[in-house]
Amino acid sequence: MRTHRYAVGQHVSYAEASPPHDVWSGHYEIVFLLPAGDREPQYQIRSDDQTYDRVVGESQLQEDLGARGRCG
C-alpha cells in the first residue's frame, strides 16, 4: 500500500487538465485521505469558493506555496 505525500489541513493546488497542458488551480485544502490500495493515493479536497468537495489522485496535486502567506 502506498503512503500519502500530503496531509489533512495542507494547502494544495489542483491540476484541472491532464499533461502536457496542465491548468493549475490553487487554494484547495486537503480534508480527507482516502485509502490508496493498489492505486495512487487519493484525497478529498475543498475550496472556500465552491459548495462541493473533489476527489483527486496524488498526481493531480502539488503543494500550494502561495498558501503560506495567507495562513494565520
PDB file of N, CA and C in Angstrom:
ATOM      1  N   MET A   1       0.851  -1.178   0.000  1.00  0.00           N
ATOM      2  CA  MET A   1       0.000   0.000   0.000  1.00  0.00           C
ATOM      3  C   MET A   1       0.895   1.238   0.000  1.00  0.00           C
ATOM      4  N   ARG A   2       0.568   2.212  -0.831  1.00  0.00           N
ATOM      5  CA  ARG A   2       1.340   3.442  -0.918  1.00  0.00           C
ATOM      6  C   ARG A   2       0.920   4.414   0.168  1.00  0.00           C
ATOM      7  N   THR A   3       1.849   5.250   0.581  1.00  0.00           N
ATOM      8  CA  THR A   3       1.544   6.245   1.611  1.00  0.00           C
ATOM      9  C   THR A   3       1.228   7.585   0.957  1.00  0.00           C
ATOM     10  N   HIS A   4       0.505   8.410   1.674  1.00  0.00           N
ATOM     11  CA  HIS A   4       0.110   9.721   1.183  1.00  0.00           C
ATOM     12  C   HIS A   4       1.254  10.729   1.349  1.00  0.00           C
ATOM     13  N   ARG A   5       1.479  11.532   0.340  1.00  0.00           N
ATOM     14  CA  ARG A   5       2.509  12.578   0.369  1.00  0.00           C
ATOM     15  C   ARG A   5       2.008  13.813   1.120  1.00  0.00           C
ATOM     16  N   TYR A   6       0.706  14.088   1.051  1.00  0.00           N
ATOM     17  CA  TYR A   6       0.123  15.286   1.651  1.00  0.00           C
ATOM     18  C   TYR A   6      -0.713  14.902   2.868  1.00  0.00           C
ATOM     19  N   ALA A   7      -0.944  15.879   3.743  1.00  0.00           N
ATOM     20  CA  ALA A   7      -1.657  15.622   4.997  1.00  0.00           C
ATOM     21  C   ALA A   7      -2.951  16.431   5.062  1.00  0.00           C
ATOM     22  N   VAL A   8      -3.882  15.978   5.895  1.00  0.00           N
ATOM     23  CA  VAL A   8      -5.111  16.724   6.139  1.00  0.00           C
ATOM     24  C   VAL A   8      -4.744  18.111   6.655  1.00  0.00           C
ATOM     25  N   GLY A   9      -5.400  19.127   6.116  1.00  0.00           N
ATOM     26  CA  GLY A   9      -5.138  20.500   6.502  1.00  0.00           C
ATOM     27  C   GLY A   9      -4.113  21.199   5.632  1.00  0.00           C
ATOM     28  N   GLN A  10      -3.390  20.432   4.819  1.00  0.00           N
ATOM     29  CA  GLN A  10      -2.371  21.018   3.953  1.00  0.00           C
ATOM     30  C   GLN A  10      -3.036  21.702   2.767  1.00  0.00           C
ATOM     31  N   HIS A  11      -2.461  22.829   2.334  1.00  0.00           N
ATOM     32  CA  HIS A  11      -2.984  23.569   1.185  1.00  0.00           C
ATOM     33  C   HIS A  11      -2.263  23.113  -0.076  1.00  0.00           C
ATOM     34  N   VAL A  12      -3.043  22.870  -1.127  1.00  0.00           N
ATOM     35  CA  VAL A  12      -2.507  22.340  -2.373  1.00  0.00           C
ATOM     36  C   VAL A  12      -3.110  23.073  -3.568  1.00  0.00           C
ATOM     37  N   SER A  13      -2.458  22.918  -4.701  1.00  0.00           N
ATOM     38  CA  SER A  13      -3.001  23.312  -5.993  1.00  0.00           C
ATOM     39  C   SER A  13      -3.419  22.033  -6.700  1.00  0.00           C
ATOM     40  N   TYR A  14      -4.400  22.147  -7.562  1.00  0.00           N
ATOM     41  CA  TYR A  14      -5.006  21.002  -8.229  1.00  0.00           C
ATOM     42  C   TYR A  14      -4.907  21.189  -9.740  1.00  0.00           C
ATOM     43  N   ALA A  15      -4.485  20.157 -10.457  1.00  0.00           N
ATOM     44  CA  ALA A  15      -4.407  20.203 -11.922  1.00  0.00           C
ATOM     45  C   ALA A  15      -5.763  19.848 -12.506  1.00  0.00           C
ATOM     46  N   GLU A  16      -6.414  20.833 -13.108  1.00  0.00           N
ATOM     47  CA  GLU A  16      -7.745  20.626 -13.670  1.00  0.00           C
ATOM     48  C   GLU A  16      -7.711  19.979 -15.044  1.00  0.00           C
ATOM     49  N   ALA A  17      -6.551  19.964 -15.693  1.00  0.00           N
ATOM     50  CA  ALA A  17      -6.401  19.349 -17.014  1.00  0.00           C
ATOM     51  C   ALA A  17      -5.245  18.356 -16.956  1.00  0.00           C
ATOM     52  N   SER A  18      -5.152  17.529 -17.956  1.00  0.00           N
ATOM     53  CA  SER A  18      -4.111  16.492 -17.996  1.00  0.00           C
ATOM     54  C   SER A  18      -2.861  17.006 -18.691  1.00  0.00           C
ATOM     55  N   PRO A  19      -1.697  16.402 -18.361  1.00  0.00           N
ATOM     56  CA  PRO A  19      -0.466  16.773 -19.058  1.00  0.00           C
ATOM     57  C   PRO A  19      -0.629  16.545 -20.553  1.00  0.00           C
ATOM     58  N   PRO A  20       0.050  17.249 -21.402  1.00  0.00           N
ATOM     59  CA  PRO A  20       1.098  18.219 -21.082  1.00  0.00           C
ATOM     60  C   PRO A  20       0.570  19.630 -20.874  1.00  0.00           C
ATOM     61  N   HIS A  21      -0.729  19.831 -20.869  1.00  0.00           N
ATOM     62  CA  HIS A  21      -1.307  21.170 -20.763  1.00  0.00           C
ATOM     63  C   HIS A  21      -1.997  21.352 -19.412  1.00  0.00           C
ATOM     64  N   ASP A  22      -1.274  21.093 -18.338  1.00  0.00           N
ATOM     65  CA  ASP A  22      -1.846  21.229 -17.005  1.00  0.00           C
ATOM     66  C   ASP A  22      -2.344  22.653 -16.764  1.00  0.00           C
ATOM     67  N   VAL A  23      -3.518  22.753 -16.175  1.00  0.00           N
ATOM     68  CA  VAL A  23      -4.060  24.034 -15.739  1.00  0.00           C
ATOM     69  C   VAL A  23      -4.195  23.933 -14.229  1.00  0.00           C
ATOM     70  N   TRP A  24      -3.313  24.638 -13.502  1.00  0.00           N
ATOM     71  CA  TRP A  24      -3.275  24.525 -12.050  1.00  0.00           C
ATOM     72  C   TRP A  24      -4.171  25.570 -11.418  1.00  0.00           C
ATOM     73  N   SER A  25      -4.962  25.119 -10.466  1.00  0.00           N
ATOM     74  CA  SER A  25      -5.855  25.983  -9.714  1.00  0.00           C
ATOM     75  C   SER A  25      -5.508  25.831  -8.240  1.00  0.00           C
ATOM     76  N   GLY A  26      -5.259  26.925  -7.550  1.00  0.00           N
ATOM     77  CA  GLY A  26      -4.816  26.862  -6.161  1.00  0.00           C
ATOM     78  C   GLY A  26      -5.925  27.050  -5.155  1.00  0.00           C
ATOM     79  N   HIS A  27      -5.514  27.174  -3.913  1.00  0.00           N
ATOM     80  CA  HIS A  27      -6.399  27.473  -2.792  1.00  0.00           C
ATOM     81  C   HIS A  27      -7.330  26.317  -2.427  1.00  0.00           C
ATOM     82  N   TYR A  28      -6.817  25.103  -2.477  1.00  0.00           N
ATOM     83  CA  TYR A  28      -7.555  23.935  -2.002  1.00  0.00           C
ATOM     84  C   TYR A  28      -6.934  23.454  -0.703  1.00  0.00           C
ATOM     85  N   GLU A  29      -7.755  22.858   0.137  1.00  0.00           N
ATOM     86  CA  GLU A  29      -7.266  22.274   1.380  1.00  0.00           C
ATOM     87  C   GLU A  29      -7.631  20.796   1.402  1.00  0.00           C
ATOM     88  N   ILE A  30      -6.709  19.972   1.835  1.00  0.00           N
ATOM     89  CA  ILE A  30      -6.987  18.541   1.951  1.00  0.00           C
ATOM     90  C   ILE A  30      -7.841  18.324   3.193  1.00  0.00           C
ATOM     91  N   VAL A  31      -9.004  17.683   3.006  1.00  0.00           N
ATOM     92  CA  VAL A  31      -9.917  17.460   4.130  1.00  0.00           C
ATOM     93  C   VAL A  31     -10.026  15.993   4.527  1.00  0.00           C
ATOM     94  N   PHE A  32      -9.572  15.083   3.649  1.00  0.00           N
ATOM     95  CA  PHE A  32      -9.685  13.665   3.968  1.00  0.00           C
ATOM     96  C   PHE A  32      -8.719  12.871   3.104  1.00  0.00           C
ATOM     97  N   LEU A  33      -8.076  11.874   3.703  1.00  0.00           N
ATOM     98  CA  LEU A  33      -7.208  10.953   2.956  1.00  0.00           C
ATOM     99  C   LEU A  33      -7.998   9.690   2.662  1.00  0.00           C
ATOM    100  N   LEU A  34      -8.045   9.301   1.414  1.00  0.00           N
ATOM    101  CA  LEU A  34      -8.770   8.102   1.014  1.00  0.00           C
ATOM    102  C   LEU A  34      -7.782   6.949   0.858  1.00  0.00           C
ATOM    103  N   PRO A  35      -8.203   5.724   1.152  1.00  0.00           N
ATOM    104  CA  PRO A  35      -7.299   4.573   1.033  1.00  0.00           C
ATOM    105  C   PRO A  35      -6.776   4.432  -0.395  1.00  0.00           C
ATOM    106  N   ALA A  36      -5.495   4.135  -0.506  1.00  0.00           N
ATOM    107  CA  ALA A  36      -4.873   4.027  -1.824  1.00  0.00           C
ATOM    108  C   ALA A  36      -5.015   2.627  -2.409  1.00  0.00           C
ATOM    109  N   GLY A  37      -4.895   1.615  -1.579  1.00  0.00           N
ATOM    110  CA  GLY A  37      -4.904   0.251  -2.105  1.00  0.00           C
ATOM    111  C   GLY A  37      -3.764   0.070  -3.086  1.00  0.00           C
ATOM    112  N   ASP A  38      -4.058  -0.468  -4.265  1.00  0.00           N
ATOM    113  CA  ASP A  38      -3.044  -0.662  -5.297  1.00  0.00           C
ATOM    114  C   ASP A  38      -2.924   0.543  -6.231  1.00  0.00           C
ATOM    115  N   ARG A  39      -3.789   1.525  -6.048  1.00  0.00           N
ATOM    116  CA  ARG A  39      -3.761   2.725  -6.891  1.00  0.00           C
ATOM    117  C   ARG A  39      -2.951   3.815  -6.209  1.00  0.00           C
ATOM    118  N   GLU A  40      -2.835   4.957  -6.883  1.00  0.00           N
ATOM    119  CA  GLU A  40      -2.157   6.089  -6.263  1.00  0.00           C
ATOM    120  C   GLU A  40      -3.026   6.620  -5.114  1.00  0.00           C
ATOM    121  N   PRO A  41      -2.408   7.215  -4.109  1.00  0.00           N
ATOM    122  CA  PRO A  41      -3.190   7.785  -3.009  1.00  0.00           C
ATOM    123  C   PRO A  41      -4.198   8.807  -3.534  1.00  0.00           C
ATOM    124  N   GLN A  42      -5.356   8.840  -2.904  1.00  0.00           N
ATOM    125  CA  GLN A  42      -6.431   9.749  -3.295  1.00  0.00           C
ATOM    126  C   GLN A  42      -6.749  10.666  -2.125  1.00  0.00           C
ATOM    127  N   TYR A  43      -7.280  11.850  -2.467  1.00  0.00           N
ATOM    128  CA  TYR A  43      -7.557  12.882  -1.476  1.00  0.00           C
ATOM    129  C   TYR A  43      -8.916  13.510  -1.739  1.00  0.00           C
ATOM    130  N   GLN A  44      -9.570  13.913  -0.679  1.00  0.00           N
ATOM    131  CA  GLN A  44     -10.761  14.746  -0.790  1.00  0.00           C
ATOM    132  C   GLN A  44     -10.290  16.165  -0.498  1.00  0.00           C
ATOM    133  N   ILE A  45     -10.518  17.084  -1.459  1.00  0.00           N
ATOM    134  CA  ILE A  45     -10.051  18.459  -1.302  1.00  0.00           C
ATOM    135  C   ILE A  45     -11.237  19.416  -1.353  1.00  0.00           C
ATOM    136  N   ARG A  46     -11.044  20.589  -0.750  1.00  0.00           N
ATOM    137  CA  ARG A  46     -12.126  21.575  -0.652  1.00  0.00           C
ATOM    138  C   ARG A  46     -11.554  22.965  -0.928  1.00  0.00           C
ATOM    139  N   SER A  47     -12.352  23.773  -1.586  1.00  0.00           N
ATOM    140  CA  SER A  47     -12.024  25.169  -1.833  1.00  0.00           C
ATOM    141  C   SER A  47     -13.099  26.035  -1.181  1.00  0.00           C
ATOM    142  N   ASP A  48     -12.691  27.152  -0.600  1.00  0.00           N
ATOM    143  CA  ASP A  48     -13.650  28.035   0.071  1.00  0.00           C
ATOM    144  C   ASP A  48     -14.697  28.601  -0.875  1.00  0.00           C
ATOM    145  N   ASP A  49     -14.386  28.709  -2.153  1.00  0.00           N
ATOM    146  CA  ASP A  49     -15.326  29.326  -3.087  1.00  0.00           C
ATOM    147  C   ASP A  49     -16.195  28.310  -3.840  1.00  0.00           C
ATOM    148  N   GLN A  50     -16.215  27.047  -3.387  1.00  0.00           N
ATOM    149  CA  GLN A  50     -17.058  26.031  -4.015  1.00  0.00           C
ATOM    150  C   GLN A  50     -17.936  25.371  -2.958  1.00  0.00           C
ATOM    151  N   THR A  51     -19.077  24.856  -3.371  1.00  0.00           N
ATOM    152  CA  THR A  51     -20.018  24.241  -2.444  1.00  0.00           C
ATOM    153  C   THR A  51     -19.906  22.718  -2.413  1.00  0.00           C
ATOM    154  N   TYR A  52     -18.860  22.186  -3.006  1.00  0.00           N
ATOM    155  CA  TYR A  52     -18.672  20.740  -3.060  1.00  0.00           C
ATOM    156  C   TYR A  52     -17.197  20.414  -2.905  1.00  0.00           C
ATOM    157  N   ASP A  53     -16.911  19.165  -2.551  1.00  0.00           N
ATOM    158  CA  ASP A  53     -15.538  18.680  -2.455  1.00  0.00           C
ATOM    159  C   ASP A  53     -15.202  17.901  -3.717  1.00  0.00           C
ATOM    160  N   ARG A  54     -13.904  17.769  -3.981  1.00  0.00           N
ATOM    161  CA  ARG A  54     -13.418  16.977  -5.113  1.00  0.00           C
ATOM    162  C   ARG A  54     -12.621  15.795  -4.573  1.00  0.00           C
ATOM    163  N   VAL A  55     -12.641  14.686  -5.297  1.00  0.00           N
ATOM    164  CA  VAL A  55     -11.773  13.551  -5.007  1.00  0.00           C
ATOM    165  C   VAL A  55     -10.770  13.479  -6.145  1.00  0.00           C
ATOM    166  N   VAL A  56      -9.491  13.566  -5.785  1.00  0.00           N
ATOM    167  CA  VAL A  56      -8.426  13.635  -6.795  1.00  0.00           C
ATOM    168  C   VAL A  56      -7.287  12.705  -6.430  1.00  0.00           C
ATOM    169  N   GLY A  57      -6.530  12.303  -7.435  1.00  0.00           N
ATOM    170  CA  GLY A  57      -5.344  11.486  -7.220  1.00  0.00           C
ATOM    171  C   GLY A  57      -4.144  12.354  -6.884  1.00  0.00           C
ATOM    172  N   GLU A  58      -3.163  11.738  -6.251  1.00  0.00           N
ATOM    173  CA  GLU A  58      -1.973  12.466  -5.830  1.00  0.00           C
ATOM    174  C   GLU A  58      -1.235  13.121  -7.003  1.00  0.00           C
ATOM    175  N   SER A  59      -1.274  12.499  -8.174  1.00  0.00           N
ATOM    176  CA  SER A  59      -0.585  13.053  -9.343  1.00  0.00           C
ATOM    177  C   SER A  59      -1.221  14.355  -9.822  1.00  0.00           C
ATOM    178  N   GLN A  60      -2.417  14.668  -9.351  1.00  0.00           N
ATOM    179  CA  GLN A  60      -3.112  15.895  -9.729  1.00  0.00           C
ATOM    180  C   GLN A  60      -2.855  17.032  -8.742  1.00  0.00           C
ATOM    181  N   LEU A  61      -2.005  16.806  -7.752  1.00  0.00           N
ATOM    182  CA  LEU A  61      -1.779  17.801  -6.704  1.00  0.00           C
ATOM    183  C   LEU A  61      -0.330  18.256  -6.658  1.00  0.00           C
ATOM    184  N   GLN A  62      -0.142  19.462  -6.168  1.00  0.00           N
ATOM    185  CA  GLN A  62       1.174  19.967  -5.808  1.00  0.00           C
ATOM    186  C   GLN A  62       0.976  20.927  -4.639  1.00  0.00           C
ATOM    187  N   GLU A  63       2.019  21.095  -3.845  1.00  0.00           N
ATOM    188  CA  GLU A  63       1.931  21.984  -2.690  1.00  0.00           C
ATOM    189  C   GLU A  63       1.624  23.398  -3.172  1.00  0.00           C
ATOM    190  N   ASP A  64       0.692  24.060  -2.482  1.00  0.00           N
ATOM    191  CA  ASP A  64       0.333  25.446  -2.802  1.00  0.00           C
ATOM    192  C   ASP A  64       1.230  26.363  -1.986  1.00  0.00           C
ATOM    193  N   LEU A  65       2.368  26.722  -2.567  1.00  0.00           N
ATOM    194  CA  LEU A  65       3.345  27.533  -1.842  1.00  0.00           C
ATOM    195  C   LEU A  65       2.811  28.924  -1.524  1.00  0.00           C
ATOM    196  N   GLY A  66       1.887  29.417  -2.297  1.00  0.00           N
ATOM    197  CA  GLY A  66       1.293  30.731  -2.034  1.00  0.00           C
ATOM    198  C   GLY A  66       0.421  30.744  -0.796  1.00  0.00           C
ATOM    199  N   ALA A  67      -0.004  29.572  -0.333  1.00  0.00           N
ATOM    200  CA  ALA A  67      -0.872  29.492   0.843  1.00  0.00           C
ATOM    201  C   ALA A  67      -0.150  29.903   2.115  1.00  0.00           C
ATOM    202  N   ARG A  68       1.169  29.801   2.134  1.00  0.00           N
ATOM    203  CA  ARG A  68       1.929  30.156   3.332  1.00  0.00           C
ATOM    204  C   ARG A  68       1.695  31.605   3.718  1.00  0.00           C
ATOM    205  N   GLY A  69       1.562  32.474   2.763  1.00  0.00           N
ATOM    206  CA  GLY A  69       1.335  33.882   3.046  1.00  0.00           C
ATOM    207  C   GLY A  69      -0.087  34.195   3.469  1.00  0.00           C
ATOM    208  N   ARG A  70      -1.038  33.277   3.192  1.00  0.00           N
ATOM    209  CA  ARG A  70      -2.443  33.505   3.543  1.00  0.00           C
ATOM    210  C   ARG A  70      -2.784  32.944   4.908  1.00  0.00           C
ATOM    211  N   CYS A  71      -1.950  32.081   5.463  1.00  0.00           N
ATOM    212  CA  CYS A  71      -2.255  31.421   6.727  1.00  0.00           C
ATOM    213  C   CYS A  71      -2.146  32.414   7.883  1.00  0.00           C
ATOM    214  N   GLY A  72      -3.027  32.204   8.884  1.00  0.00           N
ATOM    215  CA  GLY A  72      -2.937  32.989  10.100  1.00  0.00           C
ATOM    216  C   GLY A  72      -3.745  34.153  10.028  1.00  0.00           C
TER     217      GLY A  72
END
